[in-house]
Amino acid sequence: MATAYTREMAYSAVPKAFQGDQPRQSFIDFGDTYSSEKPKPAINTTLSWKEMAVHLLGLAMTAIVIVIHALNVYWVDLGDDGKLSINASLKYLQFAAKLHEVVMMASLSSVILFFLHKRLLKRGIPFGYLDASYMIGAGGGTGLLLTKRSWSPWRHKRLFFGLLVCILYTLALAPSSAIAMIPTLRHWPVKDPYDTGEGRMPHPWPMAEPQNGWPFRSSPECFNESALSEPDCPAGGLGQIIQWAEGNIMVGSSSNLTVHEMTNFERLLVSHSLKSNAGELHRNASRRVTTTPKSSSVDAIGGFWAYLRNRDVGKISKPELLTPMLKSTVNSAVYQPLVYSQCRSHIYSDSSSGLLDISHDRFQTPWEDNPSDLPSPRARFRWIKASTLSTTSFTILPMITHDATGQERQSSLIVSCLFDARWAASIVSLKPRSSSLIESNITDLNIFEDESIAEKRGPKSAFKRALNISELVELPENWLRGFDFDVTDQIEDEEQKISMMAFMFDGLASYTNQSNRHFGLTDSDAPKGSNSLSEYSERVTDFVGTFQSMLIADGMARFGSRLWRPYVEVKRDGKLEYVNLMGSNYISTASPPENVFYNGTKEDSFSIEFAALRYGYGYGFRSEDTSRSIYVAVSVLGIYLLITICYGLCICLARFFKFYTRSQSWEAIPNLIALAENSQLSNYLSGTSAGIDSRETWRLNVKVRVMEDEKLSLVFMKPGEDYGEQPRPDIQYY
């Protein structure tokens, strides 16, 4: 128990030598006060304009951030440094974002304090939550959830969950300001890029590829050596692919090949190796998926850019736009080949006899050649039609093996390949100021791994629908013949006929010291043991599969080039005309619809439309690659905006109808400490001077009450207790 400190005790505490003979007089007057504080009201009925200013500032800053996102405001191109560099501007924006965060936290803190202080004056607050408003207002509060005091007053569930929501919301509010205020670096749409609406390219003929082949136009130049220089022929890219093959033989080139087109633009021919399943059946097996944009798509987007640049049409072609990009829309008729290949190999030596059985997952056939013709020192090749596949191929390559004595022997490596060719919807894009390469959205071919399909896309049928992949395309025999035309006149022995594919493979083989022929991927690639022999077979099998897959994909990409030319639709003098983008004079090549479409109208045609984008910093949601964080951040800011507006309306209505009250006396912890120091001692807090351990203590209800001496006191009560009077508005208290 505390002992009262009386005046007599105070005087007797002075040493006797200093008391003297005079009557005892008190030199400590407890009736006097040394405080400079004046009585003041605990509850006000007037608005705090300082508080309103904080709310208005937070509202204004938040509204500006949300509006610029809603309006999709573009800021600046990447690399466009004016008087103030982009990096410097971003640092200033970081400072502004922090200021915005501080203002919002102050505003939200004021709202929380308003409701908690009203409860403190009336129903009371659990002792464990007494400082919750200060912790939340400072942007914290997570530590409160980890303490005993936060879970002790479980009787006040609504208050607990309300504080929990406030804590989580303030944690989300802090980073949301930075996310929303700092501009995002990505591609943004260009407003009115073409001025007159150009950008639509109707196809002069329907581009629907039938399942069973297509109307391939047989031209004599596509079935001889001239095909290599004819971009419209299936073998138009054979020369570039052979150059890749020769490089792969020597140094192992990448299986990504850049194909050059007549329009001086390029497309990427990509072949991706898939994992081969384990097991005896898949030994020496190669699985690949290969794709490339169509030549017609390259001609369309490349020709369209040349038209915009030469005619100076719209904003997209202006030199001040540093990072333009043209991109086909999702509704455009843009397709590209998708070729799946599976190859296996078998070594045929002089000990082999009879029919050769080559087995695959879905296909099994005997080798039809006379075994006496094998092993062969020359390369052979043949396309074979298969009813359930796009096509199959058999390739015989010369190789050497060694017997137990190390003697070199002529052998043959027989590679059989199955091909599944389809069309896949795609999106092509061009960044003309930085590259001439036409890019496609089907670039990450890892999605075609069986494991990825099963885990991410579900059944293969659903995967095919998700990627908009067509049914199987049967490759016509006369079209395939465009890769394997006769080149007998290219060899010395014209009596022995040889086709282009066999001639190409044969040219990659060389003689050994013992006059045998060997197809090797490097000069030293001569297998001598079982391990190296298996490795050699796998490498050659994968090379053959890659080469032939590239041929088929590139040939399919060239399909239709002879039947279609890109036209752009323009409006002149109120009439629609069509400009041939492959022409050199865009004015003189404008044609009416009847000269472009077979039926004189465009009703039955497909079309390609290009969106104009620019790469830089901006605000908004219209960018195609807008991340979810922007939506979340703006939503969090929108909630703050709604809370503050509702709070402002409520207090304004309460003020208008004259029942508005609020307390600003204890907006800081020191003010509460001063109130507690002036309060009566509570028996419920006995033993708490060194800390609090009991849950019952944290459950105590804390209220501000007027006691008998007409002074305010911070009182502690058990749930259900209440004594003293509630403070009244505009009454001054000591």
Foldseek 3Di string as FASTA:
>chain_A
DDDDCDQVNVQVVPDPVPQDDDPDDRPDDPVDDPDPDDFFAQKALDDDVVLVVLLVVLLVVLVVLLVQFAVFFFDDFPPPQDPHGPVRVLVVLQVVLQVSLLSLLQNVLVVVQFVQQVCQLPVFDFLLCPCLSVQLSVLHNPVSVVDLLLCLQCVPVVVSVVSVVSNVLSPLQSVLSVVSRRFDFDKDFDPCFQVFPWFKWWWQDAPDADQAGHPDDDDVCLQDPNVCCDLLALCVCVVQLLVVLVVQLAPNDALWGWTADPLRFIKIKDKDWADFDDDPLQQLKTKIKIKIWFPQVLQQVSLVLVVCCVVVGGDQNDVSQPWKKKKWDQQFPTKAKIKIKMKHKDKFFPVDADWDWRDDPVDIDTDDDHCVCPPDLFKDKDWAFDPVAQTKMKIKHWAWEADPVRDIGIIIMIMIMTMWMWMWDWMWMDGPNPHSYIDIPPDPVVCPHPVNCCPPQNDVVSVCVVRVIDHTHHHDPVSVSSQWHWDLVVDDPSVDTGTNVRVSQRVQWDADPVRGIRRGSHPPQHDYDPVSVSVRSSVVNNSVRSSVSSSNRSSVSSPCVVVTFIWMWGADPNAIWTFGSVDDDRVVRTHQQLVRHPVSDSPSTGMIGITMIGTDTIHYDPDPPDDCSSVSSSVSSVVSSVVSVVVVVVQVVCSVVSNHMGGPQPSDPVSVVVQAVPADDDPLCPPDPPHDDDSQSSNWGWHWAQDPVRAIHTDTHHPPDDDHHRRDYRDTHD
